[in-house]
Amino acid sequence: MNGYALPFEKPVVELRNKLEELRKAGEGHEVDMVQEVERIQKKIRETQEKIYSNLTPWQQVQIARHPTRPYPKDYIDAISTDFTELHGDRLYADDRAIIGGIAQIDEQKVMFIATQKGRDTKSNLACNFGCPYPEGYRKALRLMKLAGKFGLPIVSLIDTPGAFPGMEGEERHVAEAIAVNLREMSVIPTPIVVVITGEGGSGGAIGIGVGDRLLIMEHAYYSVISPEGCAAILWKDRAYADKAAEALKITSRDLTQLGLVDEVIAEPLGGAHNEPEVAFDNLKTAILKNLSDLQSMNTDQLLQTRYEKIRAYGKFTE
């Protein structure tokens, strides 16, 4: 168990602490505590199953933001080899909130595009807390066009609260950069698999999120606005974020029912941060399976199917 626990995980933490105390008490003594240890371990699992089978949308958001949850670069390092990062948009700068480069997943060569957060203050400042600047989206587009030129499938991994909302982003036209990416990604002549691994926030996510298949990790979320932002607009108080999360329909379950995602990637009990290796394997399997399906199409079929998929978004009834 990592050192950080979410509020609703308190019962599990208490049981784990009790288990640790029991093990320490048994060290150096001729007391057989195997049965008691097994009983508590069983209780821990049952408690986890109860908690994680009844999560509210706001609790799902908290898991997606867990500070020890694997970030996109962690997935890249775990599922691929020979990752060669490519830098810069050739116009302004190299935005560290979006990374990209060529790698190999088993025998499959791909172009990775991914958002990136930091683990501490220094790394968070370096990558702007995972909030891309316009140059990040222009770098991503440059690499995606490169992938299209050489026939490399694109894998886009998303975990961002949103694009940078400050003056620098406006000065360098962040809305225009995102809009151009939406247009260009729709016609790039190579398979594109998009995966929401944690936070999928607003235009910051969709700026590298147009593709042939949209996958989402079980405890990730994908939303037009953060729950806090929505609460501030509708209720004039960010404290109503839990109500906003429910109203927005942002969880993997809701998005599946709405037909907005193609596949939910299962996470280990307790979330991806609890057993990262399981999450890595599940993500790798899903990516390879979807790439294999897409590569069976010719370019015309691929682009037509992508066009129809995009046009099907936004259905509503009156």
Protein backbone atom coordinates (compact mmCIF):
# COMPACT_ATOMS: atom_id res chain seq x y z
CA MET A 1 0.00 0.00 0.00
CA ASN A 2 1.47 3.37 -0.95
CA GLY A 3 1.68 6.15 1.62
CA TYR A 4 -1.26 8.18 0.32
CA ALA A 5 -4.86 7.17 0.90
CA LEU A 6 -8.06 8.79 -0.28
CA PRO A 7 -10.72 9.65 2.34
CA PHE A 8 -13.05 6.81 1.35
CA GLU A 9 -10.17 4.30 1.62
CA LYS A 10 -9.87 4.85 5.39
CA PRO A 11 -11.41 1.44 6.32
CA VAL A 12 -8.81 -0.33 4.16
CA VAL A 13 -5.98 1.69 5.71
CA GLU A 14 -7.15 0.79 9.20
CA LEU A 15 -7.23 -2.90 8.33
CA ARG A 16 -3.78 -2.76 6.73
CA ASN A 17 -2.40 -1.05 9.84
CA LYS A 18 -3.95 -3.75 12.00
CA LEU A 19 -2.39 -6.41 9.78
CA GLU A 20 1.04 -4.79 10.09
CA GLU A 21 0.72 -4.62 13.88
CA LEU A 22 -0.26 -8.29 13.99
CA ARG A 23 2.76 -9.30 11.93
CA LYS A 24 5.11 -7.30 14.14
CA ALA A 25 3.58 -8.82 17.27
CA GLY A 26 4.21 -12.30 15.87
CA GLU A 27 7.89 -11.66 15.07
CA GLY A 28 10.22 -13.39 17.50
CA HIS A 29 7.38 -15.21 19.26
CA GLU A 30 6.22 -18.78 18.94
CA VAL A 31 2.66 -17.70 18.31
CA ASP A 32 0.93 -18.99 15.19
CA MET A 33 -0.92 -16.06 13.69
CA VAL A 34 -1.35 -17.44 10.17
CA GLN A 35 -5.09 -17.88 10.49
CA GLU A 36 -5.60 -14.39 11.90
CA VAL A 37 -3.41 -12.87 9.17
CA GLU A 38 -5.39 -14.69 6.49
CA ARG A 39 -8.66 -13.54 8.06
CA ILE A 40 -7.59 -9.88 7.96
CA GLN A 41 -6.26 -10.21 4.40
CA LYS A 42 -9.62 -11.62 3.35
CA LYS A 43 -11.37 -8.76 5.14
CA ILE A 44 -9.17 -6.21 3.36
CA ARG A 45 -10.08 -7.62 -0.04
CA GLU A 46 -13.79 -7.76 0.81
CA THR A 47 -13.69 -4.15 2.02
CA GLN A 48 -11.89 -3.03 -1.14
CA GLU A 49 -14.41 -4.83 -3.33
CA LYS A 50 -17.29 -3.19 -1.45
CA ILE A 51 -15.76 0.30 -1.74
CA TYR A 52 -14.69 0.06 -5.37
CA SER A 53 -17.95 -1.46 -6.58
CA ASN A 54 -19.93 1.49 -5.20
CA LEU A 55 -17.80 4.51 -6.14
CA THR A 56 -19.50 7.84 -6.73
CA PRO A 57 -18.46 9.90 -9.79
CA TRP A 58 -16.56 12.31 -7.50
CA GLN A 59 -14.65 9.42 -5.93
CA GLN A 60 -13.76 8.25 -9.45
CA VAL A 61 -12.32 11.71 -10.12
CA GLN A 62 -10.26 11.48 -6.94
CA ILE A 63 -8.81 8.14 -8.06
CA ALA A 64 -8.01 9.57 -11.50
CA ARG A 65 -6.02 12.32 -9.74
CA HIS A 66 -4.27 10.02 -7.25
CA PRO A 67 -0.69 11.34 -6.84
CA THR A 68 0.88 7.89 -7.19
CA ARG A 69 -1.26 6.81 -10.15
CA PRO A 70 0.83 5.87 -13.22
CA TYR A 71 1.29 8.77 -15.63
CA PRO A 72 1.47 8.37 -19.44
CA LYS A 73 5.29 8.27 -19.45
CA ASP A 74 5.16 5.43 -16.91
CA TYR A 75 2.96 3.46 -19.32
CA ILE A 76 5.28 4.23 -22.24
CA ASP A 77 8.31 3.01 -20.31
CA ALA A 78 6.50 -0.13 -19.15
CA ILE A 79 4.88 -1.31 -22.38
CA SER A 80 7.43 -0.27 -25.03
CA THR A 81 11.11 -0.37 -25.84
CA ASP A 82 13.52 2.01 -27.59
CA PHE A 83 11.46 5.12 -26.90
CA THR A 84 13.13 8.02 -28.70
CA GLU A 85 11.66 11.35 -27.63
CA LEU A 86 11.33 14.08 -30.25
CA HIS A 87 11.31 17.70 -29.15
CA GLY A 88 9.98 21.09 -30.18
CA ASP A 89 7.27 22.53 -32.39
CA ARG A 90 9.79 24.21 -34.76
CA LEU A 91 7.98 27.49 -34.13
CA TYR A 92 8.38 28.59 -30.53
CA ALA A 93 9.52 26.11 -27.87
CA ASP A 94 9.50 22.59 -26.49
CA ASP A 95 6.51 22.20 -24.16
CA ARG A 96 7.23 19.54 -21.52
CA ALA A 97 3.50 19.09 -20.77
CA ILE A 98 3.25 17.10 -24.00
CA ILE A 99 5.86 14.52 -24.92
CA GLY A 100 6.15 12.41 -28.03
CA GLY A 101 8.40 10.05 -29.84
CA ILE A 102 8.90 6.76 -31.66
CA ALA A 103 8.89 3.45 -29.79
CA GLN A 104 8.15 -0.23 -30.23
CA ILE A 105 5.44 -2.28 -28.48
CA ASP A 106 6.56 -5.87 -28.98
CA GLU A 107 6.94 -5.99 -32.79
CA GLN A 108 4.71 -2.97 -33.43
CA LYS A 109 6.40 0.39 -34.07
CA VAL A 110 4.31 3.40 -33.00
CA MET A 111 4.42 7.14 -32.51
CA PHE A 112 3.52 8.02 -28.93
CA ILE A 113 1.91 11.36 -28.07
CA ALA A 114 1.26 11.93 -24.37
CA THR A 115 0.53 14.57 -21.78
CA GLN A 116 2.74 14.56 -18.73
CA LYS A 117 2.48 15.66 -15.09
CA GLY A 118 5.18 15.88 -12.46
CA ARG A 119 5.65 13.99 -9.21
CA ASP A 120 7.06 16.88 -7.16
CA THR A 121 7.24 20.67 -7.26
CA LYS A 122 10.28 20.80 -9.54
CA SER A 123 8.94 18.35 -12.14
CA ASN A 124 5.45 19.86 -11.96
CA LEU A 125 6.86 23.30 -12.71
CA ALA A 126 8.88 21.84 -15.60
CA CYS A 127 5.77 20.37 -17.24
CA ASN A 128 3.37 23.10 -16.06
CA PHE A 129 1.34 20.67 -13.92
CA GLY A 130 0.31 18.76 -17.03
CA CYS A 131 -1.41 21.77 -18.65
CA PRO A 132 -0.07 22.18 -22.22
CA TYR A 133 0.77 25.48 -23.89
CA PRO A 134 -0.09 26.07 -27.58
CA GLU A 135 3.41 24.95 -28.59
CA GLY A 136 2.68 21.56 -27.00
CA TYR A 137 -0.22 20.97 -29.36
CA ARG A 138 1.83 22.18 -32.32
CA LYS A 139 4.62 19.79 -31.36
CA ALA A 140 2.09 16.97 -31.14
CA LEU A 141 0.72 17.82 -34.58
CA ARG A 142 4.22 17.92 -36.07
CA LEU A 143 4.91 14.42 -34.74
CA MET A 144 1.54 13.08 -35.86
CA LYS A 145 2.12 14.35 -39.39
CA LEU A 146 5.54 12.70 -39.28
CA ALA A 147 3.85 9.45 -38.27
CA GLY A 148 1.39 9.80 -41.15
CA LYS A 149 4.22 10.36 -43.60
CA PHE A 150 6.01 7.16 -42.58
CA GLY A 151 2.93 5.03 -41.87
CA LEU A 152 3.42 4.74 -38.13
CA PRO A 153 0.30 4.13 -36.01
CA ILE A 154 -0.28 6.81 -33.37
CA VAL A 155 -0.97 6.06 -29.71
CA SER A 156 -2.16 9.09 -27.73
CA LEU A 157 -2.12 8.82 -23.92
CA ILE A 158 -4.04 11.53 -22.07
CA ASP A 159 -3.87 12.62 -18.43
CA THR A 160 -4.39 16.38 -18.13
CA PRO A 161 -6.70 18.71 -16.18
CA GLY A 162 -6.84 20.90 -19.30
CA ALA A 163 -4.83 23.24 -21.48
CA PHE A 164 -3.02 26.12 -19.76
CA PRO A 165 -5.64 28.87 -19.22
CA GLY A 166 -3.31 31.80 -18.61
CA MET A 167 -2.25 34.84 -20.60
CA GLU A 168 0.68 33.11 -22.29
CA GLY A 169 -1.66 30.53 -23.80
CA GLU A 170 -3.99 33.22 -25.12
CA GLU A 171 -1.11 35.25 -26.52
CA ARG A 172 0.13 32.24 -28.47
CA HIS A 173 -3.39 31.19 -29.57
CA VAL A 174 -4.14 28.00 -27.64
CA ALA A 175 -7.71 27.77 -29.00
CA GLU A 176 -6.41 27.95 -32.56
CA ALA A 177 -3.74 25.31 -31.86
CA ILE A 178 -6.33 22.90 -30.47
CA ALA A 179 -8.78 23.58 -33.31
CA VAL A 180 -6.12 22.91 -35.95
CA ASN A 181 -5.25 19.61 -34.22
CA LEU A 182 -8.89 18.53 -34.30
CA ARG A 183 -9.08 19.22 -38.01
CA GLU A 184 -5.76 17.63 -38.91
CA MET A 185 -6.11 14.53 -36.73
CA SER A 186 -9.34 13.71 -38.52
CA VAL A 187 -7.46 13.17 -41.79
CA ILE A 188 -4.06 11.77 -40.76
CA PRO A 189 -3.73 8.59 -42.90
CA THR A 190 -2.63 6.19 -40.18
CA PRO A 191 -4.43 4.41 -37.30
CA ILE A 192 -4.89 6.48 -34.12
CA VAL A 193 -5.68 4.92 -30.75
CA VAL A 194 -6.46 7.35 -27.93
CA VAL A 195 -6.38 6.30 -24.27
CA ILE A 196 -7.56 8.38 -21.30
CA THR A 197 -5.33 7.10 -18.48
CA GLY A 198 -6.29 9.57 -15.73
CA GLU A 199 -7.79 13.01 -16.19
CA GLY A 200 -9.33 13.86 -19.55
CA GLY A 201 -10.00 17.53 -19.07
CA SER A 202 -11.70 19.77 -21.62
CA GLY A 203 -9.96 20.96 -24.79
CA GLY A 204 -6.64 20.11 -23.19
CA ALA A 205 -7.52 16.44 -23.68
CA ILE A 206 -9.36 16.59 -26.98
CA GLY A 207 -6.47 18.54 -28.56
CA ILE A 208 -4.67 15.20 -28.91
CA GLY A 209 -7.80 13.07 -28.58
CA VAL A 210 -9.26 12.61 -32.06
CA GLY A 211 -8.79 9.08 -33.31
CA ASP A 212 -10.19 5.81 -34.60
CA ARG A 213 -10.58 4.22 -31.18
CA LEU A 214 -11.12 5.96 -27.84
CA LEU A 215 -10.25 3.83 -24.83
CA ILE A 216 -10.46 4.79 -21.17
CA MET A 217 -8.99 3.30 -18.01
CA GLU A 218 -11.64 2.07 -15.60
CA HIS A 219 -11.11 4.83 -13.03
CA ALA A 220 -10.26 7.68 -15.41
CA TYR A 221 -12.66 10.43 -16.43
CA TYR A 222 -13.30 12.45 -19.59
CA SER A 223 -15.13 15.76 -19.37
CA VAL A 224 -15.83 19.06 -21.11
CA ILE A 225 -14.93 20.85 -17.85
CA SER A 226 -13.57 19.93 -14.43
CA PRO A 227 -16.19 19.21 -11.73
CA GLU A 228 -14.88 22.18 -9.75
CA GLY A 229 -15.20 24.48 -12.76
CA CYS A 230 -18.71 23.26 -13.46
CA ALA A 231 -19.71 23.75 -9.81
CA ALA A 232 -18.32 27.28 -9.82
CA ILE A 233 -20.49 28.13 -12.83
CA LEU A 234 -23.73 26.36 -11.90
CA TRP A 235 -23.72 26.62 -8.10
CA LYS A 236 -21.29 29.54 -7.68
CA ASP A 237 -19.32 27.33 -5.29
CA ARG A 238 -16.59 24.77 -6.01
CA ALA A 239 -17.72 22.85 -2.92
CA TYR A 240 -20.47 21.33 -5.08
CA ALA A 241 -17.92 19.47 -7.21
CA ASP A 242 -19.41 16.13 -6.20
CA LYS A 243 -22.82 17.13 -7.59
CA ALA A 244 -21.19 18.47 -10.74
CA ALA A 245 -19.25 15.22 -11.28
CA GLU A 246 -22.51 13.27 -11.15
CA ALA A 247 -24.34 15.65 -13.50
CA LEU A 248 -21.53 15.73 -16.07
CA LYS A 249 -21.59 11.94 -16.72
CA ILE A 250 -17.81 11.73 -16.89
CA THR A 251 -16.98 8.24 -15.61
CA SER A 252 -15.99 5.32 -17.80
CA ARG A 253 -19.36 3.66 -17.10
CA ASP A 254 -21.34 6.77 -18.10
CA LEU A 255 -19.25 7.36 -21.21
CA THR A 256 -19.76 3.77 -22.33
CA GLN A 257 -23.53 4.07 -21.92
CA LEU A 258 -23.47 7.31 -23.94
CA GLY A 259 -21.48 5.62 -26.71
CA LEU A 260 -18.58 8.06 -26.43
CA VAL A 261 -15.84 5.52 -25.68
CA ASP A 262 -15.09 2.26 -27.46
CA GLU A 263 -13.57 0.24 -24.64
CA VAL A 264 -12.96 0.40 -20.89
CA ILE A 265 -9.59 -0.96 -19.78
CA ALA A 266 -9.89 -2.82 -16.47
CA GLU A 267 -7.77 -1.69 -13.52
CA PRO A 268 -6.62 -3.83 -10.59
CA LEU A 269 -8.69 -3.74 -7.40
CA GLY A 270 -7.93 -0.44 -5.67
CA GLY A 271 -6.95 1.37 -8.88
CA ALA A 272 -3.95 1.42 -11.21
CA HIS A 273 -1.73 2.87 -8.48
CA ASN A 274 -2.36 -0.20 -6.33
CA GLU A 275 -0.84 -2.71 -8.81
CA PRO A 276 0.72 -0.76 -11.69
CA GLU A 277 2.06 -3.87 -13.43
CA VAL A 278 -1.47 -5.20 -13.94
CA ALA A 279 -2.59 -1.85 -15.35
CA PHE A 280 0.42 -1.80 -17.70
CA ASP A 281 -0.37 -5.27 -19.05
CA ASN A 282 -4.06 -4.47 -19.55
CA LEU A 283 -3.26 -1.24 -21.41
CA LYS A 284 -0.70 -2.93 -23.64
CA THR A 285 -3.12 -5.72 -24.56
CA ALA A 286 -5.88 -3.23 -25.41
CA ILE A 287 -3.61 -1.05 -27.57
CA LEU A 288 -2.22 -3.95 -29.58
CA LYS A 289 -5.66 -5.48 -30.12
CA ASN A 290 -7.15 -2.22 -31.39
CA LEU A 291 -4.15 -1.44 -33.60
CA SER A 292 -4.43 -4.89 -35.15
CA ASP A 293 -8.10 -4.30 -35.95
CA LEU A 294 -7.43 -0.88 -37.48
CA GLN A 295 -4.50 -2.06 -39.58
CA SER A 296 -6.79 -4.49 -41.38
CA MET A 297 -8.44 -1.49 -43.08
CA ASN A 298 -7.07 0.37 -46.08
CA THR A 299 -6.55 4.13 -45.79
CA ASP A 300 -9.86 5.07 -47.42
CA GLN A 301 -11.81 2.77 -45.10
CA LEU A 302 -9.90 4.06 -42.08
CA LEU A 303 -10.61 7.72 -42.80
CA GLN A 304 -14.24 7.12 -43.70
CA THR A 305 -14.83 5.17 -40.50
CA ARG A 306 -13.10 7.89 -38.48
CA TYR A 307 -15.25 10.55 -40.15
CA GLU A 308 -18.45 8.65 -39.35
CA LYS A 309 -17.31 8.15 -35.76
CA ILE A 310 -16.70 11.88 -35.28
CA ARG A 311 -20.01 12.82 -36.93
CA ALA A 312 -21.88 10.48 -34.55
CA TYR A 313 -20.81 12.46 -31.47
CA GLY A 314 -23.23 14.87 -29.88
CA LYS A 315 -26.53 13.03 -30.29
CA PHE A 316 -29.36 14.49 -28.26
CA THR A 317 -33.14 14.33 -27.83
CA GLU A 318 -35.56 17.12 -27.10
